[in-house]
PDB file of N, CA and C in Angstrom:
ATOM      1  N   MET A   1      -8.130   2.774  12.425  1.00  0.00           N
ATOM      2  CA  MET A   1      -8.699   1.494  12.226  1.00  0.00           C
ATOM      3  C   MET A   1      -7.826   0.345  12.368  1.00  0.00           C
ATOM      4  N   GLU A   2      -8.235  -0.794  12.481  1.00  0.00           N
ATOM      5  CA  GLU A   2      -7.370  -1.997  12.610  1.00  0.00           C
ATOM      6  C   GLU A   2      -7.616  -2.741  11.330  1.00  0.00           C
ATOM      7  N   ILE A   3      -6.365  -3.325  10.877  1.00  0.00           N
ATOM      8  CA  ILE A   3      -6.254  -4.195   9.838  1.00  0.00           C
ATOM      9  C   ILE A   3      -6.724  -5.645  10.314  1.00  0.00           C
ATOM     10  N   LYS A   4      -7.752  -6.214   9.801  1.00  0.00           N
ATOM     11  CA  LYS A   4      -8.122  -7.631  10.149  1.00  0.00           C
ATOM     12  C   LYS A   4      -7.562  -8.708   9.660  1.00  0.00           C
ATOM     13  N   LYS A   5      -7.128  -8.577   8.320  1.00  0.00           N
ATOM     14  CA  LYS A   5      -6.630  -9.816   7.629  1.00  0.00           C
ATOM     15  C   LYS A   5      -5.628  -9.309   6.491  1.00  0.00           C
ATOM     16  N   ALA A   6      -4.783 -10.112   6.017  1.00  0.00           N
ATOM     17  CA  ALA A   6      -3.976  -9.804   4.818  1.00  0.00           C
ATOM     18  C   ALA A   6      -4.871  -9.596   3.523  1.00  0.00           C
ATOM     19  N   ALA A   7      -4.480  -8.464   2.739  1.00  0.00           N
ATOM     20  CA  ALA A   7      -5.242  -8.322   1.282  1.00  0.00           C
ATOM     21  C   ALA A   7      -4.354  -7.568   0.545  1.00  0.00           C
ATOM     22  N   ALA A   8      -4.647  -7.620  -0.641  1.00  0.00           N
ATOM     23  CA  ALA A   8      -3.869  -7.104  -1.745  1.00  0.00           C
ATOM     24  C   ALA A   8      -4.816  -6.514  -2.787  1.00  0.00           C
ATOM     25  N   ALA A   9      -4.229  -5.677  -3.533  1.00  0.00           N
ATOM     26  CA  ALA A   9      -4.918  -4.868  -4.755  1.00  0.00           C
ATOM     27  C   ALA A   9      -3.819  -4.810  -5.769  1.00  0.00           C
ATOM     28  N   GLY A  10      -4.286  -4.786  -6.996  1.00  0.00           N
ATOM     29  CA  GLY A  10      -3.417  -4.405  -8.165  1.00  0.00           C
ATOM     30  C   GLY A  10      -2.757  -5.563  -8.919  1.00  0.00           C
ATOM     31  N   THR A  11      -2.051  -5.151  -9.807  1.00  0.00           N
ATOM     32  CA  THR A  11      -1.335  -6.201 -10.694  1.00  0.00           C
ATOM     33  C   THR A  11       0.135  -5.850 -10.781  1.00  0.00           C
ATOM     34  N   MET A  12       0.791  -6.932 -11.341  1.00  0.00           N
ATOM     35  CA  MET A  12       2.275  -6.636 -11.759  1.00  0.00           C
ATOM     36  C   MET A  12       2.407  -6.310 -13.208  1.00  0.00           C
ATOM     37  N   GLU A  13       1.466  -5.739 -13.857  1.00  0.00           N
ATOM     38  CA  GLU A  13       1.595  -5.289 -15.174  1.00  0.00           C
ATOM     39  C   GLU A  13       2.433  -3.976 -15.198  1.00  0.00           C
ATOM     40  N   SER A  14       2.837  -3.700 -16.338  1.00  0.00           N
ATOM     41  CA  SER A  14       3.613  -2.314 -16.555  1.00  0.00           C
ATOM     42  C   SER A  14       2.703  -1.167 -16.219  1.00  0.00           C
ATOM     43  N   ASN A  15       3.159  -0.057 -15.525  1.00  0.00           N
ATOM     44  CA  ASN A  15       2.473   1.161 -15.282  1.00  0.00           C
ATOM     45  C   ASN A  15       1.275   0.642 -14.013  1.00  0.00           C
ATOM     46  N   ASP A  16       1.530  -0.310 -13.355  1.00  0.00           N
ATOM     47  CA  ASP A  16       0.701  -0.616 -12.427  1.00  0.00           C
ATOM     48  C   ASP A  16       1.410  -0.926 -11.039  1.00  0.00           C
ATOM     49  N   ALA A  17       0.659  -1.194  -9.994  1.00  0.00           N
ATOM     50  CA  ALA A  17       1.242  -1.610  -8.758  1.00  0.00           C
ATOM     51  C   ALA A  17       0.494  -2.585  -7.959  1.00  0.00           C
ATOM     52  N   MET A  18       1.047  -3.472  -7.247  1.00  0.00           N
ATOM     53  CA  MET A  18       0.466  -4.461  -6.419  1.00  0.00           C
ATOM     54  C   MET A  18       0.765  -3.861  -4.952  1.00  0.00           C
ATOM     55  N   ILE A  19      -0.374  -3.782  -4.182  1.00  0.00           N
ATOM     56  CA  ILE A  19      -0.142  -3.433  -2.801  1.00  0.00           C
ATOM     57  C   ILE A  19      -0.591  -4.359  -2.023  1.00  0.00           C
ATOM     58  N   MET A  20       0.106  -4.868  -0.907  1.00  0.00           N
ATOM     59  CA  MET A  20      -0.303  -5.914  -0.143  1.00  0.00           C
ATOM     60  C   MET A  20      -0.220  -5.351   1.281  1.00  0.00           C
ATOM     61  N   ILE A  21      -1.153  -5.628   2.064  1.00  0.00           N
ATOM     62  CA  ILE A  21      -1.218  -5.012   3.694  1.00  0.00           C
ATOM     63  C   ILE A  21      -1.654  -6.190   4.387  1.00  0.00           C
ATOM     64  N   GLU A  22      -1.019  -6.285   5.562  1.00  0.00           N
ATOM     65  CA  GLU A  22      -1.340  -7.226   6.427  1.00  0.00           C
ATOM     66  C   GLU A  22      -1.233  -6.601   8.088  1.00  0.00           C
ATOM     67  N   PRO A  23      -1.932  -7.303   8.905  1.00  0.00           N
ATOM     68  CA  PRO A  23      -1.705  -6.778  10.427  1.00  0.00           C
ATOM     69  C   PRO A  23      -0.302  -6.672  10.702  1.00  0.00           C
ATOM     70  N   GLY A  24       0.060  -5.605  11.331  1.00  0.00           N
ATOM     71  CA  GLY A  24       1.443  -5.462  11.961  1.00  0.00           C
ATOM     72  C   GLY A  24       1.602  -6.051  13.135  1.00  0.00           C
ATOM     73  N   ASP A  25       2.801  -5.597  13.925  1.00  0.00           N
ATOM     74  CA  ASP A  25       3.128  -6.152  15.125  1.00  0.00           C
ATOM     75  C   ASP A  25       3.456  -4.861  16.114  1.00  0.00           C
ATOM     76  N   GLY A  26       2.605  -3.949  15.914  1.00  0.00           N
ATOM     77  CA  GLY A  26       2.704  -2.821  16.900  1.00  0.00           C
ATOM     78  C   GLY A  26       3.258  -1.530  16.280  1.00  0.00           C
ATOM     79  N   GLU A  27       3.553  -1.502  14.734  1.00  0.00           N
ATOM     80  CA  GLU A  27       3.966  -0.447  14.250  1.00  0.00           C
ATOM     81  C   GLU A  27       3.615  -0.436  12.760  1.00  0.00           C
ATOM     82  N   LEU A  28       3.856   0.616  12.181  1.00  0.00           N
ATOM     83  CA  LEU A  28       3.524   0.689  10.495  1.00  0.00           C
ATOM     84  C   LEU A  28       4.861   0.609  10.054  1.00  0.00           C
ATOM     85  N   GLU A  29       4.900  -0.392   9.082  1.00  0.00           N
ATOM     86  CA  GLU A  29       6.051  -0.702   8.289  1.00  0.00           C
ATOM     87  C   GLU A  29       5.701  -0.554   6.734  1.00  0.00           C
ATOM     88  N   ILE A  30       6.277   0.201   6.001  1.00  0.00           N
ATOM     89  CA  ILE A  30       6.277   0.281   4.506  1.00  0.00           C
ATOM     90  C   ILE A  30       7.400  -0.114   3.735  1.00  0.00           C
ATOM     91  N   PHE A  31       7.292  -1.067   2.915  1.00  0.00           N
ATOM     92  CA  PHE A  31       8.436  -1.583   2.058  1.00  0.00           C
ATOM     93  C   PHE A  31       8.096  -1.258   0.672  1.00  0.00           C
ATOM     94  N   VAL A  32       9.030  -0.548  -0.083  1.00  0.00           N
ATOM     95  CA  VAL A  32       8.749  -0.225  -1.411  1.00  0.00           C
ATOM     96  C   VAL A  32       9.766  -1.026  -2.339  1.00  0.00           C
ATOM     97  N   ASP A  33       9.126  -1.881  -3.373  1.00  0.00           N
ATOM     98  CA  ASP A  33       9.972  -2.503  -4.284  1.00  0.00           C
ATOM     99  C   ASP A  33       9.497  -1.939  -5.574  1.00  0.00           C
ATOM    100  N   SER A  34      10.360  -1.124  -6.361  1.00  0.00           N
ATOM    101  CA  SER A  34       9.863  -0.371  -7.472  1.00  0.00           C
ATOM    102  C   SER A  34      11.068  -0.232  -8.373  1.00  0.00           C
ATOM    103  N   VAL A  35      10.559  -0.309  -9.805  1.00  0.00           N
ATOM    104  CA  VAL A  35      11.487  -0.203 -10.817  1.00  0.00           C
ATOM    105  C   VAL A  35      12.062   1.403 -10.944  1.00  0.00           C
ATOM    106  N   VAL A  36      11.420   2.106 -10.261  1.00  0.00           N
ATOM    107  CA  VAL A  36      11.741   3.548 -10.290  1.00  0.00           C
ATOM    108  C   VAL A  36      11.971   4.095  -8.727  1.00  0.00           C
ATOM    109  N   ALA A  37      12.299   3.218  -7.766  1.00  0.00           N
ATOM    110  CA  ALA A  37      12.446   3.595  -6.415  1.00  0.00           C
ATOM    111  C   ALA A  37      13.814   4.527  -6.335  1.00  0.00           C
ATOM    112  N   ARG A  38      14.680   4.542  -6.990  1.00  0.00           N
ATOM    113  CA  ARG A  38      15.859   5.445  -6.920  1.00  0.00           C
ATOM    114  C   ARG A  38      15.312   6.858  -7.267  1.00  0.00           C
ATOM    115  N   GLN A  39      14.490   7.042  -8.310  1.00  0.00           N
ATOM    116  CA  GLN A  39      13.960   8.365  -8.441  1.00  0.00           C
ATOM    117  C   GLN A  39      12.767   8.782  -7.626  1.00  0.00           C
ATOM    118  N   PHE A  40      11.836   7.848  -7.420  1.00  0.00           N
ATOM    119  CA  PHE A  40      10.438   8.158  -6.917  1.00  0.00           C
ATOM    120  C   PHE A  40      10.023   7.484  -5.557  1.00  0.00           C
ATOM    121  N   GLY A  41      11.085   6.807  -4.951  1.00  0.00           N
ATOM    122  CA  GLY A  41      10.750   5.904  -3.792  1.00  0.00           C
ATOM    123  C   GLY A  41      10.184   6.787  -2.783  1.00  0.00           C
ATOM    124  N   LYS A  42      10.545   7.870  -2.498  1.00  0.00           N
ATOM    125  CA  LYS A  42       9.993   8.713  -1.313  1.00  0.00           C
ATOM    126  C   LYS A  42       8.571   9.151  -1.749  1.00  0.00           C
ATOM    127  N   GLN A  43       8.375   9.574  -2.937  1.00  0.00           N
ATOM    128  CA  GLN A  43       7.094   9.885  -3.389  1.00  0.00           C
ATOM    129  C   GLN A  43       6.130   8.796  -3.346  1.00  0.00           C
ATOM    130  N   ILE A  44       6.423   7.635  -3.642  1.00  0.00           N
ATOM    131  CA  ILE A  44       5.653   6.397  -3.557  1.00  0.00           C
ATOM    132  C   ILE A  44       5.087   6.166  -2.029  1.00  0.00           C
ATOM    133  N   GLU A  45       6.176   6.261  -1.261  1.00  0.00           N
ATOM    134  CA  GLU A  45       5.861   6.059   0.183  1.00  0.00           C
ATOM    135  C   GLU A  45       5.082   7.098   0.723  1.00  0.00           C
ATOM    136  N   ARG A  46       5.184   8.307   0.306  1.00  0.00           N
ATOM    137  CA  ARG A  46       4.334   9.451   0.793  1.00  0.00           C
ATOM    138  C   ARG A  46       2.989   9.313   0.282  1.00  0.00           C
ATOM    139  N   ALA A  47       2.634   8.783  -0.864  1.00  0.00           N
ATOM    140  CA  ALA A  47       1.417   8.506  -1.461  1.00  0.00           C
ATOM    141  C   ALA A  47       0.612   7.569  -0.716  1.00  0.00           C
ATOM    142  N   VAL A  48       1.441   6.379  -0.281  1.00  0.00           N
ATOM    143  CA  VAL A  48       0.793   5.336   0.424  1.00  0.00           C
ATOM    144  C   VAL A  48       0.503   5.789   1.870  1.00  0.00           C
ATOM    145  N   MET A  49       1.372   6.660   2.347  1.00  0.00           N
ATOM    146  CA  MET A  49       1.230   7.188   3.841  1.00  0.00           C
ATOM    147  C   MET A  49      -0.069   8.130   3.882  1.00  0.00           C
ATOM    148  N   GLU A  50      -0.265   8.746   2.886  1.00  0.00           N
ATOM    149  CA  GLU A  50      -1.449   9.642   2.845  1.00  0.00           C
ATOM    150  C   GLU A  50      -2.776   8.816   2.980  1.00  0.00           C
ATOM    151  N   VAL A  51      -3.003   7.736   2.062  1.00  0.00           N
ATOM    152  CA  VAL A  51      -3.998   6.958   2.290  1.00  0.00           C
ATOM    153  C   VAL A  51      -4.110   6.212   3.701  1.00  0.00           C
ATOM    154  N   LEU A  52      -3.040   5.827   4.139  1.00  0.00           N
ATOM    155  CA  LEU A  52      -3.073   5.035   5.405  1.00  0.00           C
ATOM    156  C   LEU A  52      -3.418   5.938   6.400  1.00  0.00           C
ATOM    157  N   SER A  53      -3.031   7.236   6.421  1.00  0.00           N
ATOM    158  CA  SER A  53      -3.392   8.323   7.346  1.00  0.00           C
ATOM    159  C   SER A  53      -4.889   8.559   7.317  1.00  0.00           C
ATOM    160  N   GLN A  54      -5.447   8.603   6.103  1.00  0.00           N
ATOM    161  CA  GLN A  54      -6.820   8.876   5.870  1.00  0.00           C
ATOM    162  C   GLN A  54      -7.762   7.848   6.769  1.00  0.00           C
ATOM    163  N   TYR A  55      -7.194   6.665   6.640  1.00  0.00           N
ATOM    164  CA  TYR A  55      -7.918   5.490   7.259  1.00  0.00           C
ATOM    165  C   TYR A  55      -7.525   5.267   8.720  1.00  0.00           C
ATOM    166  N   GLU A  56      -6.657   6.073   9.200  1.00  0.00           N
ATOM    167  CA  GLU A  56      -6.120   6.088  10.589  1.00  0.00           C
ATOM    168  C   GLU A  56      -5.417   4.736  10.817  1.00  0.00           C
ATOM    169  N   ILE A  57      -4.654   3.956   9.909  1.00  0.00           N
ATOM    170  CA  ILE A  57      -4.008   2.920   9.961  1.00  0.00           C
ATOM    171  C   ILE A  57      -2.566   3.204  10.576  1.00  0.00           C
ATOM    172  N   GLU A  58      -2.298   2.680  11.799  1.00  0.00           N
ATOM    173  CA  GLU A  58      -1.067   2.958  12.439  1.00  0.00           C
ATOM    174  C   GLU A  58      -0.307   1.656  12.814  1.00  0.00           C
ATOM    175  N   ASP A  59      -0.929   0.573  12.454  1.00  0.00           N
ATOM    176  CA  ASP A  59      -0.291  -0.766  12.854  1.00  0.00           C
ATOM    177  C   ASP A  59      -0.566  -1.855  11.707  1.00  0.00           C
ATOM    178  N   ALA A  60       0.516  -1.849  10.678  1.00  0.00           N
ATOM    179  CA  ALA A  60       0.377  -2.702   9.471  1.00  0.00           C
ATOM    180  C   ALA A  60       1.781  -2.922   8.951  1.00  0.00           C
ATOM    181  N   HIS A  61       1.671  -3.977   8.096  1.00  0.00           N
ATOM    182  CA  HIS A  61       3.023  -4.203   7.273  1.00  0.00           C
ATOM    183  C   HIS A  61       2.321  -4.084   5.884  1.00  0.00           C
ATOM    184  N   VAL A  62       3.000  -3.026   5.051  1.00  0.00           N
ATOM    185  CA  VAL A  62       2.713  -2.719   3.800  1.00  0.00           C
ATOM    186  C   VAL A  62       3.698  -3.002   2.838  1.00  0.00           C
ATOM    187  N   LEU A  63       3.452  -3.887   1.723  1.00  0.00           N
ATOM    188  CA  LEU A  63       4.296  -3.861   0.617  1.00  0.00           C
ATOM    189  C   LEU A  63       3.942  -3.501  -0.761  1.00  0.00           C
ATOM    190  N   VAL A  64       4.716  -2.563  -1.302  1.00  0.00           N
ATOM    191  CA  VAL A  64       4.321  -1.955  -2.508  1.00  0.00           C
ATOM    192  C   VAL A  64       5.188  -2.486  -3.617  1.00  0.00           C
ATOM    193  N   ARG A  65       4.715  -3.092  -4.432  1.00  0.00           N
ATOM    194  CA  ARG A  65       5.574  -3.628  -5.638  1.00  0.00           C
ATOM    195  C   ARG A  65       5.003  -2.810  -6.846  1.00  0.00           C
ATOM    196  N   ASP A  66       5.731  -1.855  -7.179  1.00  0.00           N
ATOM    197  CA  ASP A  66       5.472  -0.820  -8.100  1.00  0.00           C
ATOM    198  C   ASP A  66       6.330  -1.127  -9.577  1.00  0.00           C
ATOM    199  N   LYS A  67       5.492  -0.993 -10.649  1.00  0.00           N
ATOM    200  CA  LYS A  67       5.922  -1.200 -12.057  1.00  0.00           C
ATOM    201  C   LYS A  67       5.851   0.066 -12.923  1.00  0.00           C
ATOM    202  N   GLY A  68       6.056   1.268 -12.032  1.00  0.00           N
ATOM    203  CA  GLY A  68       5.860   2.543 -12.684  1.00  0.00           C
ATOM    204  C   GLY A  68       4.571   3.269 -12.637  1.00  0.00           C
ATOM    205  N   ALA A  69       3.724   2.943 -11.672  1.00  0.00           N
ATOM    206  CA  ALA A  69       2.318   3.457 -11.656  1.00  0.00           C
ATOM    207  C   ALA A  69       2.352   4.884 -11.121  1.00  0.00           C
ATOM    208  N   VAL A  70       1.364   5.707 -11.647  1.00  0.00           N
ATOM    209  CA  VAL A  70       1.271   7.102 -11.369  1.00  0.00           C
ATOM    210  C   VAL A  70       0.534   7.243  -9.852  1.00  0.00           C
ATOM    211  N   GLU A  71       0.677   8.188  -9.449  1.00  0.00           N
ATOM    212  CA  GLU A  71       0.170   8.457  -7.895  1.00  0.00           C
ATOM    213  C   GLU A  71      -1.240   8.049  -7.657  1.00  0.00           C
ATOM    214  N   CYS A  72      -2.109   8.436  -8.653  1.00  0.00           N
ATOM    215  CA  CYS A  72      -3.469   8.225  -8.385  1.00  0.00           C
ATOM    216  C   CYS A  72      -3.720   6.773  -8.354  1.00  0.00           C
ATOM    217  N   THR A  73      -3.012   5.910  -9.328  1.00  0.00           N
ATOM    218  CA  THR A  73      -3.081   4.509  -9.201  1.00  0.00           C
ATOM    219  C   THR A  73      -2.583   3.918  -7.900  1.00  0.00           C
ATOM    220  N   LEU A  74      -1.479   4.387  -7.417  1.00  0.00           N
ATOM    221  CA  LEU A  74      -0.973   4.035  -6.188  1.00  0.00           C
ATOM    222  C   LEU A  74      -1.929   4.011  -5.065  1.00  0.00           C
ATOM    223  N   LYS A  75      -2.559   5.316  -4.993  1.00  0.00           N
ATOM    224  CA  LYS A  75      -3.499   5.636  -3.997  1.00  0.00           C
ATOM    225  C   LYS A  75      -4.725   4.798  -4.072  1.00  0.00           C
ATOM    226  N   ALA A  76      -5.166   4.550  -5.200  1.00  0.00           N
ATOM    227  CA  ALA A  76      -6.456   3.656  -5.556  1.00  0.00           C
ATOM    228  C   ALA A  76      -6.145   2.189  -5.000  1.00  0.00           C
ATOM    229  N   ARG A  77      -4.958   1.726  -5.453  1.00  0.00           N
ATOM    230  CA  ARG A  77      -4.590   0.303  -5.117  1.00  0.00           C
ATOM    231  C   ARG A  77      -4.440   0.141  -3.553  1.00  0.00           C
ATOM    232  N   CYS A  78      -3.961   1.215  -2.835  1.00  0.00           N
ATOM    233  CA  CYS A  78      -3.789   1.239  -1.384  1.00  0.00           C
ATOM    234  C   CYS A  78      -5.103   1.167  -0.740  1.00  0.00           C
ATOM    235  N   GLU A  79      -5.986   2.130  -1.105  1.00  0.00           N
ATOM    236  CA  GLU A  79      -7.335   2.212  -0.565  1.00  0.00           C
ATOM    237  C   GLU A  79      -8.126   0.877  -0.793  1.00  0.00           C
ATOM    238  N   THR A  80      -7.963   0.330  -1.912  1.00  0.00           N
ATOM    239  CA  THR A  80      -8.626  -1.008  -2.169  1.00  0.00           C
ATOM    240  C   THR A  80      -8.168  -2.147  -1.347  1.00  0.00           C
ATOM    241  N   ALA A  81      -6.781  -2.161  -1.141  1.00  0.00           N
ATOM    242  CA  ALA A  81      -6.263  -3.212  -0.346  1.00  0.00           C
ATOM    243  C   ALA A  81      -6.615  -2.983   1.267  1.00  0.00           C
ATOM    244  N   ILE A  82      -6.705  -1.523   1.646  1.00  0.00           N
ATOM    245  CA  ILE A  82      -7.131  -1.362   2.956  1.00  0.00           C
ATOM    246  C   ILE A  82      -8.651  -1.653   3.203  1.00  0.00           C
ATOM    247  N   LEU A  83      -9.455  -1.509   2.278  1.00  0.00           N
ATOM    248  CA  LEU A  83     -10.830  -1.760   2.391  1.00  0.00           C
ATOM    249  C   LEU A  83     -11.079  -3.261   2.437  1.00  0.00           C
ATOM    250  N   ARG A  84     -10.216  -4.065   1.665  1.00  0.00           N
ATOM    251  CA  ARG A  84     -10.293  -5.523   1.686  1.00  0.00           C
ATOM    252  C   ARG A  84      -9.819  -6.117   3.039  1.00  0.00           C
ATOM    253  N   ALA A  85      -8.872  -5.478   3.566  1.00  0.00           N
ATOM    254  CA  ALA A  85      -8.142  -5.852   4.863  1.00  0.00           C
ATOM    255  C   ALA A  85      -9.007  -5.566   6.013  1.00  0.00           C
ATOM    256  N   LEU A  86      -9.957  -4.507   5.905  1.00  0.00           N
ATOM    257  CA  LEU A  86     -10.693  -4.257   7.140  1.00  0.00           C
ATOM    258  C   LEU A  86     -11.978  -5.178   7.166  1.00  0.00           C
ATOM    259  N   LYS A  87     -12.355  -5.736   6.210  1.00  0.00           N
ATOM    260  CA  LYS A  87     -13.590  -6.461   6.172  1.00  0.00           C
ATOM    261  C   LYS A  87     -13.360  -7.847   6.862  1.00  0.00           C
ATOM    262  N   GLU A  88     -14.319  -8.194   7.789  1.00  0.00           N
ATOM    263  CA  GLU A  88     -14.300  -9.620   8.366  1.00  0.00           C
ATOM    264  C   GLU A  88     -15.016 -10.477   7.461  1.00  0.00           C
ATOM    265  N   ASP A  89     -14.615 -11.747   7.415  1.00  0.00           N
ATOM    266  CA  ASP A  89     -15.115 -12.830   6.451  1.00  0.00           C
ATOM    267  C   ASP A  89     -16.560 -13.266   7.083  1.00  0.00           C
TER     268      ASP A  89
END
C-alpha cells in the first residue's frame, strides 16, 4: 500500500509512544528515538516492521518516539498512524 500523507498517532506521555509516518523516497526508513533504545531498540523496530509488513508498506519514513511503551501499544500506534496516512482527504 502507498502512504498518501503524513500522519501520527500516540502521545509523548510516559509509557506511550508517538509514531509519525510520511511518504518515503523509494525506501522504508525507520528511526527509533527511545528512552530504552539501548536495551529494546531492536525489539521496537521489529514490532513496527511487523505492522508495516502487514499493510505491505515498503516506501515510507517512520519516526518512533518512545517513552517506554509496551509492544502492543507500539503496534496499535503504528497501525493507527498507517490508517490515517492511507486516507485521502
